[in-house]
Amino acid sequence: MSPSTPAPSESAPARTEAVRRLLNSEHFARSRRFADRLDTDPVLLEELLDLVRVRRVENDPRLAPLAGRIARAVDWLSGPARVGDDSAALTARRRMTLAALCYLVEFDDVIPDGVLGGTVDDHIVLDVILGQALDPDEI
């Protein structure tokens, strides 16, 4: 499901409101703050990427459709930084990608991952953020 395609049971305005609430939640704000630290600490960054690699999203029916995007994000973030690629837009995309991956590995988020349907919020965050941040022409 892409960010512009609402689920059959919800309207586009309802989905837009759900996305807005998730991205403005304290849980996602915590992920964004941690992403800022990760972007300047290669050891913490590698620890996050290792956690994402072992998360096995392909085994979760809600997250499996995003497995390719998640792998692409991990590859992008673990690759060498390109000289001269420090534009504000690229830095913002990188940090939002980091925040989305932090949210993925956080089990106690808006809908805790241990409860039934607990990865719905993870799917929405990843779908929206990675859909916007992973522009194949620039990465």
N, C-alpha and C. Protein backbone atom coordinates (compact mmCIF):
# COMPACT_ATOMS: atom_id res chain seq x y z
N MET A 1 0.85 -1.16 0.00
CA MET A 1 0.00 0.00 0.00
C MET A 1 0.90 1.23 0.00
N SER A 2 0.72 2.15 -0.92
CA SER A 2 1.52 3.35 -0.97
C SER A 2 0.88 4.41 -0.09
N PRO A 3 1.64 5.49 0.24
CA PRO A 3 1.09 6.51 1.11
C PRO A 3 -0.16 7.17 0.53
N SER A 4 -0.30 7.20 -0.78
CA SER A 4 -1.45 7.86 -1.38
C SER A 4 -2.63 6.92 -1.58
N THR A 5 -2.48 5.65 -1.29
CA THR A 5 -3.56 4.68 -1.46
C THR A 5 -4.08 4.23 -0.11
N PRO A 6 -5.25 4.76 0.30
CA PRO A 6 -5.78 4.35 1.60
C PRO A 6 -6.25 2.91 1.57
N ALA A 7 -6.24 2.29 2.72
CA ALA A 7 -6.80 0.95 2.85
C ALA A 7 -8.28 1.02 2.52
N PRO A 8 -8.86 -0.08 2.03
CA PRO A 8 -10.28 -0.05 1.66
C PRO A 8 -11.20 0.38 2.79
N SER A 9 -10.81 0.14 4.02
CA SER A 9 -11.68 0.46 5.14
C SER A 9 -11.51 1.89 5.66
N GLU A 10 -10.61 2.67 5.06
CA GLU A 10 -10.42 4.02 5.56
C GLU A 10 -10.40 5.02 4.41
N SER A 11 -10.82 6.24 4.70
CA SER A 11 -10.82 7.29 3.69
C SER A 11 -9.44 7.94 3.66
N ALA A 12 -9.16 8.66 2.59
CA ALA A 12 -7.88 9.35 2.47
C ALA A 12 -7.69 10.37 3.60
N PRO A 13 -8.72 11.18 3.95
CA PRO A 13 -8.53 12.11 5.08
C PRO A 13 -8.25 11.39 6.39
N ALA A 14 -8.88 10.24 6.62
CA ALA A 14 -8.63 9.49 7.86
C ALA A 14 -7.20 8.98 7.88
N ARG A 15 -6.71 8.48 6.74
CA ARG A 15 -5.33 8.00 6.67
C ARG A 15 -4.36 9.16 6.86
N THR A 16 -4.65 10.30 6.24
CA THR A 16 -3.78 11.47 6.38
C THR A 16 -3.71 11.89 7.84
N GLU A 17 -4.82 11.86 8.52
CA GLU A 17 -4.85 12.22 9.95
C GLU A 17 -4.07 11.20 10.78
N ALA A 18 -4.21 9.92 10.46
CA ALA A 18 -3.46 8.88 11.19
C ALA A 18 -1.96 9.07 10.99
N VAL A 19 -1.54 9.36 9.78
CA VAL A 19 -0.12 9.58 9.49
C VAL A 19 0.36 10.81 10.27
N ARG A 20 -0.40 11.88 10.22
CA ARG A 20 -0.03 13.11 10.94
C ARG A 20 0.14 12.83 12.43
N ARG A 21 -0.80 12.10 13.00
CA ARG A 21 -0.73 11.81 14.45
C ARG A 21 0.48 10.94 14.78
N LEU A 22 0.76 9.95 13.94
CA LEU A 22 1.93 9.09 14.19
C LEU A 22 3.23 9.88 14.11
N LEU A 23 3.38 10.69 13.07
CA LEU A 23 4.62 11.43 12.88
C LEU A 23 4.79 12.56 13.90
N ASN A 24 3.70 12.96 14.54
CA ASN A 24 3.77 13.97 15.59
C ASN A 24 3.73 13.37 17.00
N SER A 25 3.73 12.05 17.07
CA SER A 25 3.66 11.39 18.38
C SER A 25 4.99 11.51 19.13
N GLU A 26 4.90 11.40 20.44
CA GLU A 26 6.12 11.42 21.26
C GLU A 26 7.02 10.25 20.91
N HIS A 27 6.43 9.12 20.54
CA HIS A 27 7.23 7.94 20.18
C HIS A 27 8.09 8.22 18.95
N PHE A 28 7.51 8.84 17.92
CA PHE A 28 8.29 9.14 16.73
C PHE A 28 9.27 10.28 17.00
N ALA A 29 8.89 11.23 17.85
CA ALA A 29 9.81 12.32 18.22
C ALA A 29 11.05 11.74 18.91
N ARG A 30 10.85 10.72 19.74
CA ARG A 30 11.98 10.05 20.39
C ARG A 30 12.88 9.39 19.34
N SER A 31 12.27 8.78 18.33
CA SER A 31 13.04 8.16 17.25
C SER A 31 13.83 9.22 16.48
N ARG A 32 13.23 10.37 16.27
CA ARG A 32 13.93 11.45 15.55
C ARG A 32 15.12 11.97 16.36
N ARG A 33 14.93 12.12 17.66
CA ARG A 33 16.04 12.59 18.51
C ARG A 33 17.19 11.58 18.48
N PHE A 34 16.86 10.30 18.56
CA PHE A 34 17.89 9.27 18.52
C PHE A 34 18.57 9.24 17.15
N ALA A 35 17.80 9.46 16.09
CA ALA A 35 18.37 9.49 14.73
C ALA A 35 19.41 10.60 14.60
N ASP A 36 19.19 11.73 15.25
CA ASP A 36 20.17 12.81 15.21
C ASP A 36 21.50 12.36 15.81
N ARG A 37 21.43 11.60 16.90
CA ARG A 37 22.65 11.07 17.52
C ARG A 37 23.32 10.02 16.64
N LEU A 38 22.50 9.16 16.04
CA LEU A 38 23.04 8.08 15.19
C LEU A 38 23.80 8.63 13.99
N ASP A 39 23.33 9.73 13.46
CA ASP A 39 23.92 10.27 12.25
C ASP A 39 25.33 10.78 12.47
N THR A 40 25.71 10.97 13.73
CA THR A 40 27.07 11.44 14.02
C THR A 40 27.89 10.41 14.78
N ASP A 41 27.33 9.23 15.02
CA ASP A 41 28.03 8.19 15.77
C ASP A 41 28.01 6.88 14.97
N PRO A 42 29.10 6.55 14.28
CA PRO A 42 29.11 5.37 13.43
C PRO A 42 28.89 4.06 14.18
N VAL A 43 29.29 3.99 15.44
CA VAL A 43 29.09 2.76 16.23
C VAL A 43 27.60 2.56 16.51
N LEU A 44 26.92 3.62 16.97
CA LEU A 44 25.48 3.52 17.21
C LEU A 44 24.71 3.24 15.92
N LEU A 45 25.15 3.86 14.84
CA LEU A 45 24.50 3.63 13.54
C LEU A 45 24.59 2.16 13.15
N GLU A 46 25.76 1.57 13.29
CA GLU A 46 25.92 0.16 12.92
C GLU A 46 25.09 -0.75 13.83
N GLU A 47 24.97 -0.38 15.11
CA GLU A 47 24.12 -1.16 16.02
C GLU A 47 22.66 -1.12 15.57
N LEU A 48 22.18 0.05 15.17
CA LEU A 48 20.80 0.14 14.68
C LEU A 48 20.64 -0.70 13.42
N LEU A 49 21.56 -0.58 12.48
CA LEU A 49 21.44 -1.33 11.23
C LEU A 49 21.47 -2.83 11.49
N ASP A 50 22.27 -3.26 12.46
CA ASP A 50 22.28 -4.69 12.82
C ASP A 50 20.93 -5.12 13.39
N LEU A 51 20.32 -4.27 14.23
CA LEU A 51 18.99 -4.59 14.77
C LEU A 51 17.95 -4.69 13.66
N VAL A 52 18.02 -3.80 12.68
CA VAL A 52 17.08 -3.85 11.56
C VAL A 52 17.30 -5.12 10.75
N ARG A 53 18.57 -5.49 10.53
CA ARG A 53 18.87 -6.69 9.74
C ARG A 53 18.31 -7.96 10.38
N VAL A 54 18.31 -8.03 11.69
CA VAL A 54 17.82 -9.24 12.37
C VAL A 54 16.32 -9.18 12.67
N ARG A 55 15.67 -8.10 12.34
CA ARG A 55 14.23 -7.91 12.66
C ARG A 55 13.33 -8.88 11.89
N ARG A 56 13.75 -9.40 10.77
CA ARG A 56 12.99 -10.37 9.97
C ARG A 56 11.60 -9.85 9.60
N VAL A 57 11.58 -8.68 8.99
CA VAL A 57 10.30 -8.08 8.59
C VAL A 57 9.56 -8.92 7.57
N GLU A 58 10.29 -9.74 6.81
CA GLU A 58 9.62 -10.57 5.79
C GLU A 58 8.69 -11.60 6.41
N ASN A 59 8.83 -11.87 7.72
CA ASN A 59 7.96 -12.83 8.40
C ASN A 59 6.70 -12.18 8.98
N ASP A 60 6.59 -10.87 8.87
CA ASP A 60 5.43 -10.15 9.38
C ASP A 60 4.57 -9.74 8.18
N PRO A 61 3.33 -10.21 8.11
CA PRO A 61 2.50 -9.91 6.94
C PRO A 61 2.31 -8.42 6.67
N ARG A 62 2.33 -7.61 7.70
CA ARG A 62 2.17 -6.17 7.50
C ARG A 62 3.45 -5.52 7.01
N LEU A 63 4.59 -6.02 7.45
CA LEU A 63 5.87 -5.39 7.10
C LEU A 63 6.54 -6.01 5.88
N ALA A 64 6.18 -7.24 5.55
CA ALA A 64 6.81 -7.94 4.42
C ALA A 64 6.79 -7.14 3.12
N PRO A 65 5.68 -6.43 2.80
CA PRO A 65 5.69 -5.66 1.55
C PRO A 65 6.73 -4.54 1.52
N LEU A 66 7.23 -4.16 2.69
CA LEU A 66 8.22 -3.09 2.77
C LEU A 66 9.65 -3.61 2.90
N ALA A 67 9.84 -4.92 2.89
CA ALA A 67 11.16 -5.51 3.11
C ALA A 67 12.20 -4.98 2.12
N GLY A 68 11.83 -4.82 0.88
CA GLY A 68 12.76 -4.30 -0.12
C GLY A 68 13.19 -2.88 0.17
N ARG A 69 12.23 -2.03 0.53
CA ARG A 69 12.56 -0.64 0.88
C ARG A 69 13.45 -0.59 2.12
N ILE A 70 13.13 -1.41 3.10
CA ILE A 70 13.92 -1.42 4.33
C ILE A 70 15.35 -1.85 4.03
N ALA A 71 15.52 -2.89 3.22
CA ALA A 71 16.86 -3.35 2.84
C ALA A 71 17.61 -2.26 2.08
N ARG A 72 16.90 -1.56 1.22
CA ARG A 72 17.53 -0.47 0.46
C ARG A 72 17.98 0.65 1.39
N ALA A 73 17.16 0.96 2.39
CA ALA A 73 17.52 1.99 3.36
C ALA A 73 18.76 1.58 4.14
N VAL A 74 18.81 0.32 4.56
CA VAL A 74 19.99 -0.18 5.29
C VAL A 74 21.23 -0.10 4.42
N ASP A 75 21.12 -0.51 3.16
CA ASP A 75 22.26 -0.44 2.25
C ASP A 75 22.73 1.01 2.07
N TRP A 76 21.78 1.92 1.90
CA TRP A 76 22.12 3.33 1.71
C TRP A 76 22.85 3.89 2.93
N LEU A 77 22.31 3.59 4.12
CA LEU A 77 22.89 4.14 5.35
C LEU A 77 24.21 3.49 5.72
N SER A 78 24.42 2.25 5.30
CA SER A 78 25.67 1.56 5.65
C SER A 78 26.75 1.78 4.60
N GLY A 79 26.39 2.35 3.47
CA GLY A 79 27.37 2.61 2.43
C GLY A 79 28.24 3.81 2.77
N PRO A 80 29.32 3.97 2.03
CA PRO A 80 30.21 5.10 2.30
C PRO A 80 29.53 6.42 1.93
N ALA A 81 29.76 7.43 2.73
CA ALA A 81 29.22 8.75 2.42
C ALA A 81 29.95 9.29 1.19
N ARG A 82 29.20 9.91 0.33
CA ARG A 82 29.81 10.48 -0.87
C ARG A 82 30.30 11.89 -0.57
N VAL A 83 31.48 12.21 -1.03
CA VAL A 83 32.05 13.54 -0.83
C VAL A 83 31.14 14.56 -1.50
N GLY A 84 30.83 15.61 -0.78
CA GLY A 84 29.98 16.66 -1.33
C GLY A 84 28.49 16.40 -1.17
N ASP A 85 28.11 15.27 -0.59
CA ASP A 85 26.69 14.94 -0.40
C ASP A 85 26.21 15.35 0.98
N ASP A 86 26.42 16.59 1.34
CA ASP A 86 26.02 17.04 2.67
C ASP A 86 24.97 18.15 2.59
N SER A 87 24.16 18.14 1.54
CA SER A 87 23.13 19.16 1.41
C SER A 87 22.11 18.99 2.54
N ALA A 88 21.45 20.08 2.85
CA ALA A 88 20.44 20.04 3.92
C ALA A 88 19.32 19.06 3.58
N ALA A 89 18.93 19.01 2.32
CA ALA A 89 17.84 18.10 1.93
C ALA A 89 18.27 16.65 2.10
N LEU A 90 19.48 16.32 1.70
CA LEU A 90 19.96 14.95 1.83
C LEU A 90 20.12 14.57 3.31
N THR A 91 20.62 15.49 4.10
CA THR A 91 20.76 15.25 5.54
C THR A 91 19.39 15.01 6.17
N ALA A 92 18.40 15.79 5.78
CA ALA A 92 17.04 15.61 6.33
C ALA A 92 16.48 14.26 5.93
N ARG A 93 16.65 13.86 4.67
CA ARG A 93 16.17 12.55 4.21
C ARG A 93 16.86 11.43 4.96
N ARG A 94 18.15 11.56 5.16
CA ARG A 94 18.92 10.55 5.88
C ARG A 94 18.41 10.42 7.32
N ARG A 95 18.22 11.54 7.97
CA ARG A 95 17.77 11.50 9.37
C ARG A 95 16.35 10.98 9.50
N MET A 96 15.48 11.30 8.57
CA MET A 96 14.12 10.76 8.62
C MET A 96 14.15 9.25 8.38
N THR A 97 15.03 8.80 7.49
CA THR A 97 15.18 7.36 7.25
C THR A 97 15.67 6.69 8.52
N LEU A 98 16.66 7.28 9.18
CA LEU A 98 17.15 6.74 10.45
C LEU A 98 16.03 6.70 11.48
N ALA A 99 15.24 7.75 11.56
CA ALA A 99 14.14 7.80 12.53
C ALA A 99 13.12 6.69 12.25
N ALA A 100 12.81 6.46 10.98
CA ALA A 100 11.86 5.40 10.64
C ALA A 100 12.40 4.04 11.05
N LEU A 101 13.69 3.81 10.84
CA LEU A 101 14.28 2.53 11.24
C LEU A 101 14.35 2.40 12.76
N CYS A 102 14.60 3.49 13.46
CA CYS A 102 14.55 3.47 14.93
C CYS A 102 13.15 3.08 15.39
N TYR A 103 12.15 3.65 14.75
CA TYR A 103 10.77 3.34 15.10
C TYR A 103 10.47 1.86 14.86
N LEU A 104 11.00 1.32 13.79
CA LEU A 104 10.80 -0.09 13.48
C LEU A 104 11.31 -1.00 14.59
N VAL A 105 12.48 -0.72 15.13
CA VAL A 105 13.07 -1.62 16.13
C VAL A 105 12.60 -1.32 17.54
N GLU A 106 11.86 -0.23 17.72
CA GLU A 106 11.30 0.11 19.02
C GLU A 106 10.01 -0.69 19.21
N PHE A 107 9.99 -1.58 20.18
CA PHE A 107 8.82 -2.43 20.39
C PHE A 107 7.72 -1.73 21.17
N ASP A 108 8.08 -0.72 21.96
CA ASP A 108 7.09 -0.01 22.77
C ASP A 108 6.81 1.34 22.12
N ASP A 109 6.16 1.31 20.96
CA ASP A 109 5.85 2.55 20.25
C ASP A 109 4.35 2.84 20.38
N VAL A 110 3.78 3.57 19.46
CA VAL A 110 2.37 3.96 19.58
C VAL A 110 1.47 2.74 19.78
N ILE A 111 1.66 1.72 18.95
CA ILE A 111 0.96 0.44 19.16
C ILE A 111 2.07 -0.56 19.44
N PRO A 112 2.23 -0.98 20.70
CA PRO A 112 3.33 -1.90 21.03
C PRO A 112 3.33 -3.13 20.13
N ASP A 113 4.50 -3.51 19.65
CA ASP A 113 4.62 -4.58 18.68
C ASP A 113 4.16 -5.94 19.21
N GLY A 114 4.12 -6.10 20.52
CA GLY A 114 3.73 -7.38 21.10
C GLY A 114 2.23 -7.64 21.11
N VAL A 115 1.41 -6.63 20.80
CA VAL A 115 -0.03 -6.83 20.80
C VAL A 115 -0.52 -7.12 19.38
N LEU A 116 -1.69 -7.70 19.28
CA LEU A 116 -2.28 -8.00 17.98
C LEU A 116 -2.41 -6.71 17.17
N GLY A 117 -1.90 -6.71 15.96
CA GLY A 117 -1.94 -5.52 15.11
C GLY A 117 -0.88 -4.50 15.46
N GLY A 118 0.09 -4.90 16.25
CA GLY A 118 1.09 -3.97 16.75
C GLY A 118 2.07 -3.42 15.74
N THR A 119 2.08 -3.94 14.54
CA THR A 119 3.00 -3.40 13.54
C THR A 119 2.29 -2.53 12.50
N VAL A 120 1.02 -2.24 12.72
CA VAL A 120 0.30 -1.36 11.80
C VAL A 120 0.96 0.01 11.77
N ASP A 121 1.28 0.55 12.94
CA ASP A 121 1.91 1.86 13.00
C ASP A 121 3.31 1.84 12.38
N ASP A 122 4.05 0.74 12.58
CA ASP A 122 5.37 0.61 11.96
C ASP A 122 5.24 0.66 10.44
N HIS A 123 4.26 -0.07 9.92
CA HIS A 123 4.04 -0.09 8.48
C HIS A 123 3.77 1.31 7.94
N ILE A 124 2.90 2.05 8.61
CA ILE A 124 2.55 3.39 8.14
C ILE A 124 3.77 4.30 8.16
N VAL A 125 4.50 4.31 9.26
CA VAL A 125 5.69 5.17 9.36
C VAL A 125 6.70 4.81 8.28
N LEU A 126 7.00 3.53 8.14
CA LEU A 126 7.99 3.11 7.14
C LEU A 126 7.52 3.40 5.72
N ASP A 127 6.26 3.13 5.43
CA ASP A 127 5.73 3.35 4.09
C ASP A 127 5.84 4.83 3.71
N VAL A 128 5.43 5.70 4.60
CA VAL A 128 5.45 7.13 4.30
C VAL A 128 6.87 7.66 4.23
N ILE A 129 7.66 7.41 5.24
CA ILE A 129 9.01 7.98 5.31
C ILE A 129 9.91 7.41 4.22
N LEU A 130 9.98 6.09 4.12
CA LEU A 130 10.88 5.49 3.12
C LEU A 130 10.39 5.79 1.71
N GLY A 131 9.08 5.89 1.53
CA GLY A 131 8.55 6.23 0.22
C GLY A 131 9.00 7.60 -0.24
N GLN A 132 9.16 8.53 0.69
CA GLN A 132 9.59 9.89 0.36
C GLN A 132 11.11 10.04 0.38
N ALA A 133 11.77 9.31 1.27
CA ALA A 133 13.21 9.53 1.46
C ALA A 133 14.10 8.79 0.47
N LEU A 134 13.64 7.65 -0.03
CA LEU A 134 14.49 6.84 -0.88
C LEU A 134 14.25 7.15 -2.35
N ASP A 135 14.74 8.26 -2.79
CA ASP A 135 14.62 8.68 -4.18
C ASP A 135 15.74 8.02 -4.97
N PRO A 136 15.41 7.10 -5.88
CA PRO A 136 16.45 6.35 -6.60
C PRO A 136 17.36 7.23 -7.45
N ASP A 137 16.90 8.41 -7.82
CA ASP A 137 17.75 9.28 -8.64
C ASP A 137 18.85 9.96 -7.83
N GLU A 138 18.68 10.00 -6.50
CA GLU A 138 19.65 10.73 -5.69
C GLU A 138 20.45 9.83 -4.76
N ILE A 139 20.06 8.58 -4.60
CA ILE A 139 20.77 7.69 -3.67
C ILE A 139 21.64 6.74 -4.47
